[in-house]
N, C-alpha and C. Protein backbone atom coordinates (compact mmCIF):
# COMPACT_ATOMS: atom_id res chain seq x y z
N UNK A 1 31.38 -13.71 5.27
CA UNK A 1 30.51 -13.44 3.99
C UNK A 1 29.78 -12.01 4.28
N UNK A 2 30.22 -10.94 3.55
CA UNK A 2 29.62 -9.70 3.69
C UNK A 2 28.31 -9.63 2.84
N UNK A 3 27.13 -9.10 3.32
CA UNK A 3 26.21 -8.86 2.71
C UNK A 3 25.78 -7.30 2.43
N UNK A 4 25.57 -6.97 1.28
CA UNK A 4 25.21 -5.48 1.05
C UNK A 4 23.69 -5.25 1.35
N UNK A 5 23.44 -4.26 2.15
CA UNK A 5 22.14 -4.11 2.51
C UNK A 5 21.60 -2.63 2.19
N UNK A 6 22.36 -2.26 0.96
CA UNK A 6 22.24 -0.74 0.63
C UNK A 6 20.72 -0.57 -0.16
N UNK A 7 19.85 0.21 0.16
CA UNK A 7 18.77 0.56 -0.51
C UNK A 7 18.92 1.85 -1.33
N UNK A 8 18.69 1.60 -2.85
CA UNK A 8 18.66 2.68 -3.78
C UNK A 8 17.27 3.12 -4.09
N UNK A 9 17.09 4.38 -3.97
CA UNK A 9 15.78 4.99 -4.39
C UNK A 9 16.08 5.90 -5.54
N UNK A 10 15.37 5.62 -6.54
CA UNK A 10 15.38 6.42 -7.77
C UNK A 10 14.19 7.16 -8.07
N UNK A 11 14.30 8.26 -8.65
CA UNK A 11 12.97 9.02 -9.05
C UNK A 11 12.32 8.32 -10.33
N UNK A 12 10.94 8.62 -10.54
CA UNK A 12 10.39 8.03 -11.58
C UNK A 12 11.01 8.62 -12.82
N UNK A 13 10.81 7.87 -14.00
CA UNK A 13 11.44 8.40 -15.18
C UNK A 13 10.95 9.67 -15.65
N UNK A 14 9.92 10.26 -15.48
CA UNK A 14 9.58 11.47 -15.78
C UNK A 14 10.08 12.61 -14.68
N UNK A 15 10.84 12.51 -13.75
CA UNK A 15 11.35 13.35 -12.69
C UNK A 15 10.49 13.01 -11.47
N UNK A 16 10.35 13.94 -10.76
CA UNK A 16 9.85 13.89 -9.34
C UNK A 16 8.43 13.53 -9.43
N UNK A 17 7.88 12.76 -8.44
CA UNK A 17 6.56 12.33 -8.48
C UNK A 17 5.58 13.50 -8.40
N UNK A 18 4.50 13.42 -9.22
CA UNK A 18 3.50 14.24 -9.27
C UNK A 18 2.65 14.45 -7.99
N UNK A 19 1.78 15.44 -7.74
CA UNK A 19 0.96 15.44 -6.65
C UNK A 19 -0.33 14.45 -6.97
N UNK A 20 -0.57 14.05 -7.99
CA UNK A 20 -1.67 13.03 -8.44
C UNK A 20 -1.02 11.65 -7.84
N UNK A 21 0.11 11.42 -8.13
CA UNK A 21 0.81 10.26 -7.54
C UNK A 21 0.77 10.03 -6.02
N UNK A 22 1.11 11.23 -5.37
CA UNK A 22 1.04 11.27 -3.85
C UNK A 22 -0.51 10.95 -3.43
N UNK A 23 -1.47 11.73 -4.07
CA UNK A 23 -2.78 11.58 -3.79
C UNK A 23 -3.49 10.36 -3.97
N UNK A 24 -2.90 9.43 -4.91
CA UNK A 24 -3.27 8.14 -5.13
C UNK A 24 -2.69 7.41 -4.24
N UNK A 25 -1.42 7.57 -3.95
CA UNK A 25 -0.82 6.58 -2.73
C UNK A 25 -1.59 6.87 -1.33
N UNK A 26 -1.77 8.02 -0.98
CA UNK A 26 -2.68 8.39 0.03
C UNK A 26 -3.95 7.67 0.26
N UNK A 27 -4.72 7.59 -0.96
CA UNK A 27 -5.97 6.87 -1.19
C UNK A 27 -5.93 5.38 -1.08
N UNK A 28 -4.85 4.81 -1.60
CA UNK A 28 -4.61 3.44 -1.48
C UNK A 28 -4.24 3.16 -0.17
N UNK A 29 -3.67 4.03 0.75
CA UNK A 29 -3.11 3.62 2.05
C UNK A 29 -4.28 3.77 2.98
N UNK A 30 -5.18 4.71 2.82
CA UNK A 30 -6.53 4.98 3.63
C UNK A 30 -7.10 3.62 4.33
N UNK A 31 -7.22 2.65 3.58
CA UNK A 31 -7.96 1.52 4.09
C UNK A 31 -7.15 0.98 5.32
N UNK A 32 -6.08 1.10 5.51
CA UNK A 32 -5.15 0.48 6.45
C UNK A 32 -5.49 1.16 7.84
N UNK A 33 -5.52 2.53 8.05
CA UNK A 33 -5.82 3.21 9.35
C UNK A 33 -7.52 3.04 9.46
N UNK A 34 -8.38 2.83 8.44
CA UNK A 34 -9.63 2.74 8.57
C UNK A 34 -10.03 1.42 9.17
N UNK A 35 -9.39 0.34 8.76
CA UNK A 35 -9.67 -1.00 9.08
C UNK A 35 -9.17 -1.02 10.65
N UNK A 36 -8.02 -0.49 11.00
CA UNK A 36 -7.43 -0.46 12.34
C UNK A 36 -8.52 0.24 13.31
N UNK A 37 -9.08 1.42 12.89
CA UNK A 37 -10.08 2.08 13.63
C UNK A 37 -11.29 1.24 13.75
N UNK A 38 -11.73 0.70 12.63
CA UNK A 38 -13.00 -0.15 12.84
C UNK A 38 -12.90 -1.13 13.76
N UNK A 39 -11.72 -1.88 13.74
CA UNK A 39 -11.66 -3.07 14.64
C UNK A 39 -11.15 -2.78 16.13
N UNK A 40 -10.66 -1.63 16.29
CA UNK A 40 -10.37 -1.33 17.55
C UNK A 40 -11.59 -0.40 18.40
N UNK A 41 -12.03 0.54 17.58
CA UNK A 41 -13.14 1.35 18.30
C UNK A 41 -14.53 0.73 18.09
N UNK A 42 -14.74 -0.08 17.10
CA UNK A 42 -16.09 -0.67 16.87
C UNK A 42 -17.17 0.45 16.75
N UNK A 43 -17.14 1.57 15.99
CA UNK A 43 -18.13 2.55 16.07
C UNK A 43 -19.49 2.22 15.51
N UNK A 44 -19.70 1.14 14.88
CA UNK A 44 -20.75 0.71 14.40
C UNK A 44 -21.34 -0.59 14.84
N UNK A 45 -20.72 -0.97 16.18
CA UNK A 45 -21.25 -1.99 16.84
C UNK A 45 -20.43 -3.22 16.28
N UNK A 46 -20.28 -4.24 17.20
CA UNK A 46 -19.17 -5.27 16.92
C UNK A 46 -19.29 -5.93 15.59
N UNK A 47 -20.54 -6.40 15.32
CA UNK A 47 -20.86 -7.14 14.17
C UNK A 47 -20.39 -6.46 12.71
N UNK A 48 -21.21 -5.16 12.57
CA UNK A 48 -21.10 -4.33 11.65
C UNK A 48 -19.59 -3.81 11.55
N UNK A 49 -18.91 -3.50 12.51
CA UNK A 49 -17.44 -3.10 12.40
C UNK A 49 -16.48 -4.05 12.01
N UNK A 50 -16.76 -5.36 12.39
CA UNK A 50 -15.99 -6.38 12.21
C UNK A 50 -16.25 -6.72 10.59
N UNK A 51 -17.48 -6.75 10.13
CA UNK A 51 -17.80 -7.08 8.60
C UNK A 51 -17.17 -6.23 7.79
N UNK A 52 -17.30 -5.11 8.11
CA UNK A 52 -16.89 -4.00 6.96
C UNK A 52 -15.20 -3.92 7.15
N UNK A 53 -14.65 -4.16 8.53
CA UNK A 53 -13.32 -4.26 8.28
C UNK A 53 -12.76 -5.50 7.55
N UNK A 54 -13.40 -6.44 7.70
CA UNK A 54 -12.90 -7.71 7.18
C UNK A 54 -13.04 -7.59 5.73
N UNK A 55 -14.32 -7.08 5.34
CA UNK A 55 -14.59 -6.87 3.73
C UNK A 55 -13.52 -5.93 3.16
N UNK A 56 -13.10 -4.85 3.91
CA UNK A 56 -12.05 -4.09 3.37
C UNK A 56 -10.77 -4.81 3.16
N UNK A 57 -10.37 -5.66 4.20
CA UNK A 57 -9.16 -6.48 4.06
C UNK A 57 -9.22 -7.30 2.93
N UNK A 58 -10.37 -8.04 2.77
CA UNK A 58 -10.30 -9.04 1.72
C UNK A 58 -10.32 -8.37 0.28
N UNK A 59 -10.99 -7.29 0.21
CA UNK A 59 -10.91 -6.68 -1.19
C UNK A 59 -9.79 -5.64 -1.24
N UNK A 60 -9.03 -5.55 -0.41
CA UNK A 60 -7.93 -4.50 -0.68
C UNK A 60 -7.11 -4.65 -1.91
N UNK A 61 -6.81 -6.03 -2.10
CA UNK A 61 -6.04 -6.43 -3.27
C UNK A 61 -6.65 -5.89 -4.45
N UNK A 62 -7.76 -6.03 -4.62
CA UNK A 62 -8.45 -5.56 -5.90
C UNK A 62 -8.40 -4.15 -6.44
N UNK A 63 -8.64 -3.14 -5.28
CA UNK A 63 -8.24 -1.91 -5.80
C UNK A 63 -6.83 -1.26 -5.63
N UNK A 64 -6.07 -2.12 -4.85
CA UNK A 64 -4.70 -1.64 -4.43
C UNK A 64 -3.60 -1.98 -5.79
N UNK A 65 -4.16 -3.24 -6.37
CA UNK A 65 -3.09 -3.74 -7.35
C UNK A 65 -2.87 -2.75 -8.68
N UNK A 66 -3.81 -1.86 -9.12
CA UNK A 66 -3.48 -1.28 -10.27
C UNK A 66 -2.54 -0.18 -9.82
N UNK A 67 -2.48 0.42 -8.50
CA UNK A 67 -1.70 1.38 -8.08
C UNK A 67 -0.38 1.06 -7.83
N UNK A 68 0.05 -0.37 -7.69
CA UNK A 68 1.16 -0.95 -7.19
C UNK A 68 2.11 -0.78 -8.32
N UNK A 69 3.46 -0.45 -7.74
CA UNK A 69 4.54 -0.33 -8.70
C UNK A 69 4.85 -1.78 -9.13
N UNK A 70 5.25 -1.77 -10.51
CA UNK A 70 5.53 -2.96 -11.18
C UNK A 70 6.80 -3.65 -10.61
N UNK A 71 6.83 -4.81 -10.63
CA UNK A 71 7.84 -5.61 -9.87
C UNK A 71 8.76 -6.37 -10.81
N UNK A 72 8.34 -6.57 -12.09
CA UNK A 72 8.83 -7.32 -13.12
C UNK A 72 9.06 -6.52 -14.36
N UNK A 73 10.15 -6.73 -15.11
CA UNK A 73 11.38 -7.34 -14.76
C UNK A 73 12.26 -6.64 -13.69
N UNK A 74 12.65 -7.40 -12.83
CA UNK A 74 13.56 -6.87 -11.67
C UNK A 74 14.89 -6.94 -12.28
N UNK A 75 15.47 -5.83 -11.89
CA UNK A 75 16.97 -5.65 -12.37
C UNK A 75 17.78 -6.81 -11.61
N UNK A 76 18.90 -7.24 -12.21
CA UNK A 76 19.72 -8.18 -11.74
C UNK A 76 20.53 -7.57 -10.76
N UNK A 77 20.93 -8.14 -9.46
CA UNK A 77 21.74 -7.29 -8.62
C UNK A 77 23.37 -7.21 -9.09
N UNK A 78 23.87 -6.27 -8.89
CA UNK A 78 25.21 -5.98 -9.58
C UNK A 78 26.09 -6.72 -8.53
N UNK A 79 27.16 -7.33 -9.10
CA UNK A 79 28.28 -8.04 -8.16
C UNK A 79 29.25 -6.94 -7.95
């Protein structure tokens, strides 16, 4: 049984992504290295760094969800 693992990337309907889209993506990604830095370096002390890091992880879904690409309706796989 053969499985097709081809990934197709298409540009947005308006053409190439704008600089604003890239900036938004960067801003939505910044909590990831920030949390890693807080949890590994602990610049604010152990408890403060852990509290801020875990707060960022717990609330990430709230501010990242609006910038997420829509997933429904998903196109049916072609046969």
